[in-house]
């Protein structure tokens, strides 16, 4: 059985490219059209990856053609895709789940995101015995890395980095009014980070009123009905958005009338959703400053220095698990090299 991973991430593609492939294809489509025996799709703000197995090797080009069919147009930026096979696939997955491949090294959000993707694939039946074994091992690796190294010490989530950006813009945040759009795990980490900075006026809006109220209660904020959140743009200083919408929620046409009542007060928008919640053209509007997930990269890199010395210890743990995992599967089935993005052109 051939184990492989094909994907793109913040290392190889910008947010505009990543959002084009988020949620465009189903695991079932990759099984029926792509020839995968097992398939699991992992889509986060920083990566879109297919983990799969097959009786016979499947060319990367064939998998990209399935993506093209799902998108109903030509797959662009194929050079951004990478591929890992066998041991290299297991190693890559272990690094991803342990937070070593993240934009914020050591962040722990990715573990929950991978578990959610795995549970969904198991429930649908698209993840079978081989993916079950490699993902269960990955969860063990993540637990060991977190418990035996300091890789997560001082680590920040994407939401926390967004708050750090707000601090760089405003300095003291205590008098600022903030609207959080979305009530998922990233939003929860964001409101907690805001609360730790002394922000008291936190408003939360989500399609589920119940979830918005639950999150707002955590920081003594207030929930805003989802059909009323745009009206808040006339009052707030900062909008931080992280929803799962397929199309932009905020466009220049929607925002323009609200800017007229702001009395020359700038509006700072931090969009950490993929696909993006805010149309890029919003950044061209007078008095609006828009930052997306890629804008947080420089801030995230500043926090890496303090944890760099822990990387060697974490990588050693991963190497030991890769060797053991490969040996248990018989070696031959998982022994292969990885392909860099540039190598995919000839392989396709």
Protein backbone atom coordinates (compact mmCIF):
# COMPACT_ATOMS: atom_id res chain seq x y z
CA UNK A 1 0.00 0.00 0.00
CA UNK A 2 1.37 3.41 -0.98
CA UNK A 3 1.11 6.20 1.60
CA UNK A 4 1.40 9.78 0.33
CA UNK A 5 0.59 13.43 0.94
CA UNK A 6 0.05 16.16 -1.67
CA UNK A 7 -0.59 19.73 -0.65
CA UNK A 8 0.42 23.35 -0.33
CA UNK A 9 1.01 25.53 2.72
CA UNK A 10 2.17 28.94 3.89
CA UNK A 11 5.71 27.79 3.04
CA UNK A 12 4.91 27.49 -0.68
CA UNK A 13 1.82 29.58 -1.41
CA UNK A 14 0.29 32.89 -0.37
CA UNK A 15 -3.18 33.19 1.10
CA UNK A 16 -4.72 34.03 -2.28
CA UNK A 17 -3.51 30.69 -3.66
CA UNK A 18 -4.38 28.67 -0.56
CA UNK A 19 -7.96 29.89 -0.43
CA UNK A 20 -8.57 28.71 -4.00
CA UNK A 21 -8.19 25.11 -2.90
CA UNK A 22 -9.80 25.22 0.55
CA UNK A 23 -12.91 23.04 0.47
CA UNK A 24 -13.06 22.65 -3.31
CA UNK A 25 -12.94 18.86 -3.36
CA UNK A 26 -14.32 15.99 -1.29
CA UNK A 27 -12.54 12.91 -0.02
CA UNK A 28 -15.05 10.77 -1.89
CA UNK A 29 -14.20 12.53 -5.16
CA UNK A 30 -10.52 11.82 -4.60
CA UNK A 31 -11.33 8.17 -3.99
CA UNK A 32 -13.64 7.70 -6.96
CA UNK A 33 -11.90 9.93 -9.51
CA UNK A 34 -8.39 9.97 -8.14
CA UNK A 35 -7.98 6.27 -7.43
CA UNK A 36 -7.23 6.64 -3.72
CA UNK A 37 -8.05 3.67 -1.51
CA UNK A 38 -8.13 5.98 1.49
CA UNK A 39 -8.29 9.78 1.60
CA UNK A 40 -8.25 12.52 4.23
CA UNK A 41 -8.34 16.24 3.49
CA UNK A 42 -6.79 18.70 5.92
CA UNK A 43 -7.69 22.35 5.29
CA UNK A 44 -6.62 25.07 7.73
CA UNK A 45 -5.76 28.75 7.37
CA UNK A 46 -2.17 27.79 6.53
CA UNK A 47 -2.44 24.55 4.54
CA UNK A 48 -4.55 22.39 2.26
CA UNK A 49 -3.30 18.80 2.18
CA UNK A 50 -4.51 15.42 0.95
CA UNK A 51 -3.30 12.36 2.82
CA UNK A 52 -4.03 9.14 1.01
CA UNK A 53 -3.15 5.54 0.27
CA UNK A 54 -3.48 3.50 -2.88
CA UNK A 55 -2.77 0.00 -4.13
CA UNK A 56 -0.69 1.42 -6.98
CA UNK A 57 1.29 4.68 -7.12
CA UNK A 58 -0.80 7.67 -8.26
CA UNK A 59 0.96 10.42 -10.19
CA UNK A 60 0.70 13.89 -8.68
CA UNK A 61 -0.60 15.19 -11.98
CA UNK A 62 -3.57 12.83 -11.76
CA UNK A 63 -4.50 14.14 -8.32
CA UNK A 64 -4.19 17.73 -9.52
CA UNK A 65 -6.49 16.90 -12.43
CA UNK A 66 -9.12 15.78 -9.92
CA UNK A 67 -8.72 19.14 -8.16
CA UNK A 68 -9.13 20.85 -11.51
CA UNK A 69 -12.38 18.95 -12.10
CA UNK A 70 -13.65 19.94 -8.64
CA UNK A 71 -12.79 23.58 -9.31
CA UNK A 72 -14.29 23.41 -12.81
CA UNK A 73 -11.32 25.40 -14.11
CA UNK A 74 -7.60 25.09 -14.57
CA UNK A 75 -5.49 24.38 -11.50
CA UNK A 76 -3.12 27.30 -11.07
CA UNK A 77 0.28 27.57 -9.39
CA UNK A 78 0.99 23.85 -9.53
CA UNK A 79 4.57 24.66 -8.57
CA UNK A 80 3.27 25.51 -5.09
CA UNK A 81 2.25 21.89 -4.45
CA UNK A 82 4.58 19.50 -2.69
CA UNK A 83 4.44 15.74 -2.34
CA UNK A 84 5.69 13.32 0.31
CA UNK A 85 5.63 9.53 0.07
CA UNK A 86 6.07 6.73 2.59
CA UNK A 87 8.38 7.62 5.45
CA UNK A 88 8.60 11.21 4.25
CA UNK A 89 4.80 11.45 4.43
CA UNK A 90 4.74 10.13 7.99
CA UNK A 91 7.53 12.52 8.99
CA UNK A 92 5.72 15.47 7.45
CA UNK A 93 2.46 14.60 9.21
CA UNK A 94 4.21 14.16 12.56
CA UNK A 95 5.85 17.58 12.16
CA UNK A 96 2.53 19.18 11.20
CA UNK A 97 0.62 17.74 14.17
CA UNK A 98 3.44 18.61 16.59
CA UNK A 99 3.32 22.24 15.44
CA UNK A 100 6.80 22.24 13.89
CA UNK A 101 5.55 23.06 10.38
CA UNK A 102 3.21 25.85 11.52
CA UNK A 103 3.54 29.55 10.82
CA UNK A 104 3.78 29.91 14.60
CA UNK A 105 6.24 27.20 15.63
CA UNK A 106 4.90 25.22 18.58
CA UNK A 107 1.28 26.35 18.28
CA UNK A 108 -1.25 23.81 19.47
CA UNK A 109 -4.35 24.73 17.41
CA UNK A 110 -3.25 22.46 14.60
CA UNK A 111 -3.62 19.34 16.76
CA UNK A 112 -7.35 19.99 17.22
CA UNK A 113 -7.76 20.80 13.53
CA UNK A 114 -6.09 17.56 12.46
CA UNK A 115 -8.14 15.53 14.94
CA UNK A 116 -11.33 17.06 13.56
CA UNK A 117 -10.31 16.22 9.97
CA UNK A 118 -9.39 12.69 11.02
CA UNK A 119 -12.67 12.11 12.87
CA UNK A 120 -14.63 13.33 9.86
CA UNK A 121 -12.76 11.02 7.50
CA UNK A 122 -13.26 8.06 9.84
CA UNK A 123 -16.98 8.73 10.14
CA UNK A 124 -17.40 8.96 6.37
CA UNK A 125 -15.34 5.82 5.82
CA UNK A 126 -12.74 7.54 3.60
CA UNK A 127 -9.95 6.93 6.13
CA UNK A 128 -9.13 3.25 6.50
CA UNK A 129 -6.58 1.12 8.37
CA UNK A 130 -3.38 2.73 7.09
CA UNK A 131 -4.45 6.34 7.67
CA UNK A 132 -5.86 5.29 11.03
CA UNK A 133 -2.47 3.95 12.07
CA UNK A 134 -0.41 6.89 10.84
CA UNK A 135 -2.74 9.52 12.33
CA UNK A 136 -2.99 7.75 15.67
CA UNK A 137 0.79 7.64 15.76
CA UNK A 138 0.90 11.36 14.87
CA UNK A 139 -1.30 12.19 17.87
CA UNK A 140 1.06 10.21 20.11
CA UNK A 141 4.02 12.13 18.68
CA UNK A 142 2.36 15.48 19.32
CA UNK A 143 1.62 14.52 22.92
CA UNK A 144 5.21 13.42 23.53
CA UNK A 145 6.70 16.54 21.93
CA UNK A 146 4.47 18.80 24.01
CA UNK A 147 5.11 16.94 27.27
CA UNK A 148 8.88 16.40 26.98
CA UNK A 149 10.09 19.62 25.30
CA UNK A 150 9.50 23.33 25.78
CA UNK A 151 8.52 23.87 22.16
CA UNK A 152 5.13 25.29 23.19
CA UNK A 153 6.51 27.56 25.91
CA UNK A 154 5.85 31.12 24.90
CA UNK A 155 4.13 29.85 21.77
CA UNK A 156 1.26 31.90 20.43
CA UNK A 157 -1.73 31.03 18.30
CA UNK A 158 -2.64 32.78 15.08
CA UNK A 159 -5.26 34.69 17.06
CA UNK A 160 -2.65 35.82 19.57
CA UNK A 161 -0.39 36.99 16.76
CA UNK A 162 -3.31 39.03 15.42
CA UNK A 163 -3.61 40.71 18.81
CA UNK A 164 0.15 41.38 18.83
CA UNK A 165 -0.31 43.14 15.49
CA UNK A 166 -3.09 45.26 17.01
CA UNK A 167 -0.72 46.19 19.86
CA UNK A 168 1.92 47.30 17.35
CA UNK A 169 -0.68 49.49 15.67
CA UNK A 170 -2.41 51.01 18.72
CA UNK A 171 -0.06 50.45 21.65
CA UNK A 172 -2.41 50.30 24.62
CA UNK A 173 -5.57 48.39 23.67
CA UNK A 174 -7.55 48.96 26.87
CA UNK A 175 -9.74 51.73 25.45
CA UNK A 176 -10.27 50.10 22.07
CA UNK A 177 -13.53 48.60 20.83
CA UNK A 178 -13.10 45.25 19.11
CA UNK A 179 -15.49 43.11 17.08
CA UNK A 180 -14.74 39.43 16.66
CA UNK A 181 -16.44 37.83 13.67
CA UNK A 182 -16.69 34.07 14.15
CA UNK A 183 -16.85 31.94 17.30
CA UNK A 184 -14.58 28.98 16.60
CA UNK A 185 -11.37 27.90 18.30
CA UNK A 186 -9.28 30.63 16.63
CA UNK A 187 -11.76 33.28 17.74
CA UNK A 188 -11.72 31.95 21.29
CA UNK A 189 -7.94 32.22 21.46
CA UNK A 190 -8.20 35.72 20.01
CA UNK A 191 -10.67 37.00 22.61
CA UNK A 192 -8.60 35.49 25.41
CA UNK A 193 -5.52 37.28 24.08
CA UNK A 194 -7.47 40.54 23.86
CA UNK A 195 -8.73 40.07 27.39
CA UNK A 196 -5.19 39.54 28.67
CA UNK A 197 -4.28 42.90 27.09
CA UNK A 198 -6.97 44.65 29.10
CA UNK A 199 -9.58 45.03 26.36
CA UNK A 200 -13.01 45.30 27.97
CA UNK A 201 -15.20 46.20 24.98
CA UNK A 202 -15.25 42.92 23.04
CA UNK A 203 -18.17 42.16 20.76
CA UNK A 204 -18.69 38.75 19.20
CA UNK A 205 -20.87 37.93 16.21
CA UNK A 206 -21.49 34.51 14.72
CA UNK A 207 -24.18 32.82 12.64
CA UNK A 208 -25.02 30.78 15.73
CA UNK A 209 -26.22 33.27 18.34
CA UNK A 210 -25.70 30.66 21.04
CA UNK A 211 -22.03 30.22 20.19
CA UNK A 212 -21.51 33.99 20.04
CA UNK A 213 -23.04 34.40 23.48
CA UNK A 214 -20.98 31.57 24.92
CA UNK A 215 -17.73 33.08 23.62
CA UNK A 216 -18.65 36.61 24.70
CA UNK A 217 -19.43 35.37 28.19
CA UNK A 218 -15.88 34.05 28.58
CA UNK A 219 -14.51 37.60 28.56
CA UNK A 220 -17.55 39.51 29.81
CA UNK A 221 -18.15 40.85 26.33
CA UNK A 222 -21.41 40.99 24.42
CA UNK A 223 -22.89 39.05 21.56
CA UNK A 224 -24.09 40.78 18.39
CA UNK A 225 -26.68 39.26 16.06
CA UNK A 226 -25.06 38.16 12.84
CA UNK A 227 -27.47 40.22 10.76
CA UNK A 228 -26.40 43.30 12.73
CA UNK A 229 -22.60 42.98 12.79
CA UNK A 230 -22.00 45.36 9.90
CA UNK A 231 -23.59 48.19 11.90
CA UNK A 232 -20.79 47.78 14.47
CA UNK A 233 -18.25 49.01 11.91
CA UNK A 234 -19.32 52.57 12.65
CA UNK A 235 -18.23 52.24 16.30
CA UNK A 236 -15.36 49.78 16.59
CA UNK A 237 -11.63 50.39 16.20
CA UNK A 238 -10.62 46.84 15.29
CA UNK A 239 -12.37 44.04 13.41
CA UNK A 240 -10.81 40.57 13.67
CA UNK A 241 -12.52 38.07 11.40
CA UNK A 242 -12.22 34.28 11.38
CA UNK A 243 -15.27 32.56 9.90
CA UNK A 244 -15.70 29.64 7.53
CA UNK A 245 -17.57 31.64 4.88
CA UNK A 246 -16.94 30.66 1.26
CA UNK A 247 -17.25 34.23 -0.03
CA UNK A 248 -16.06 37.60 1.38
CA UNK A 249 -18.42 38.94 4.04
CA UNK A 250 -17.09 42.49 3.85
CA UNK A 251 -16.75 44.29 0.53
CA UNK A 252 -16.08 47.94 -0.40
CA UNK A 253 -19.73 48.43 -1.38
CA UNK A 254 -20.88 47.18 2.04
CA UNK A 255 -18.30 49.12 4.01
CA UNK A 256 -18.40 52.47 2.23
CA UNK A 257 -21.62 53.88 3.83
CA UNK A 258 -20.39 52.88 7.30
CA UNK A 259 -17.11 54.76 6.89
CA UNK A 260 -18.98 58.02 6.48
CA UNK A 261 -20.02 58.00 10.14
CA UNK A 262 -16.56 57.25 11.53
CA UNK A 263 -15.45 60.90 11.68
CA UNK A 264 -11.97 60.25 10.27
CA UNK A 265 -11.27 57.42 12.71
CA UNK A 266 -9.28 54.66 10.98
CA UNK A 267 -10.65 51.13 10.96
CA UNK A 268 -8.14 48.31 11.37
CA UNK A 269 -9.21 44.93 10.02
CA UNK A 270 -7.31 41.71 10.68
CA UNK A 271 -8.64 38.89 8.51
CA UNK A 272 -7.32 35.51 9.66
CA UNK A 273 -9.84 33.43 7.71
CA UNK A 274 -9.07 31.21 4.71
CA UNK A 275 -10.87 31.72 2.40
CA UNK A 276 -10.66 35.39 3.33
CA UNK A 277 -13.65 37.09 4.93
CA UNK A 278 -12.70 40.53 3.64
CA UNK A 279 -12.32 41.41 -0.04
CA UNK A 280 -8.71 42.54 -0.75
CA UNK A 281 -10.04 45.73 -2.40
CA UNK A 282 -11.12 46.95 1.04
CA UNK A 283 -7.48 47.81 1.71
CA UNK A 284 -7.64 50.49 -1.01
CA UNK A 285 -10.35 52.42 0.84
CA UNK A 286 -9.48 55.65 2.62
CA UNK A 287 -9.16 55.18 6.38
CA UNK A 288 -9.09 51.38 6.28
CA UNK A 289 -6.06 49.24 7.05
CA UNK A 290 -6.43 45.57 6.17
CA UNK A 291 -4.09 42.77 7.25
CA UNK A 292 -4.53 39.12 6.24
CA UNK A 293 -3.05 35.87 7.53
CA UNK A 294 0.16 36.35 5.53
CA UNK A 295 0.71 39.74 7.19
CA UNK A 296 1.18 37.94 10.50
CA UNK A 297 4.18 35.95 9.26
CA UNK A 298 6.84 38.48 10.34
CA UNK A 299 5.39 38.76 13.85
CA UNK A 300 5.21 34.99 14.17
CA UNK A 301 8.86 34.66 13.18
CA UNK A 302 9.90 36.92 16.06
CA UNK A 303 8.59 34.37 18.54
CA UNK A 304 10.54 31.55 16.93
CA UNK A 305 13.95 32.51 18.33
CA UNK A 306 13.04 31.63 21.91
CA UNK A 307 11.93 28.13 20.89
CA UNK A 308 14.52 27.34 18.23
CA UNK A 309 16.70 25.41 20.68
CA UNK A 310 13.76 23.08 21.37
CA UNK A 311 13.38 22.13 17.71
CA UNK A 312 16.28 19.66 17.78
CA UNK A 313 14.73 17.75 20.68
CA UNK A 314 11.33 17.66 18.95
CA UNK A 315 12.86 16.56 15.63
CA UNK A 316 14.68 13.71 17.40
CA UNK A 317 11.41 12.43 18.85
CA UNK A 318 9.80 12.56 15.41
CA UNK A 319 12.73 10.72 13.78
CA UNK A 320 12.44 7.90 16.32
CA UNK A 321 8.71 7.55 15.70
CA UNK A 322 9.15 7.59 11.90
CA UNK A 323 11.72 4.78 12.13
CA UNK A 324 9.51 2.71 14.41
CA UNK A 325 6.36 3.33 12.37
CA UNK A 326 8.11 2.33 9.15
CA UNK A 327 9.51 -0.84 10.73
CA UNK A 328 6.08 -1.88 12.02
CA UNK A 329 4.56 -1.50 8.55
CA UNK A 330 7.30 -3.57 7.00
CA UNK A 331 9.56 -0.81 5.68
CA UNK A 332 8.99 -1.40 1.98
CA UNK A 333 5.48 0.03 1.92
CA UNK A 334 6.53 3.34 3.40
CA UNK A 335 10.06 3.76 2.04
CA UNK A 336 10.16 6.68 -0.37
CA UNK A 337 11.51 10.16 -0.83
CA UNK A 338 9.74 13.49 -0.82
CA UNK A 339 9.26 15.73 -3.81
CA UNK A 340 9.76 19.46 -3.59
CA UNK A 341 7.28 21.77 -5.35
CA UNK A 342 9.63 22.28 -8.32
CA UNK A 343 10.05 18.53 -8.75
CA UNK A 344 6.34 18.01 -9.29
CA UNK A 345 6.40 19.36 -12.84
CA UNK A 346 8.47 16.47 -14.14
CA UNK A 347 6.62 13.92 -11.95
CA UNK A 348 3.25 15.09 -13.27
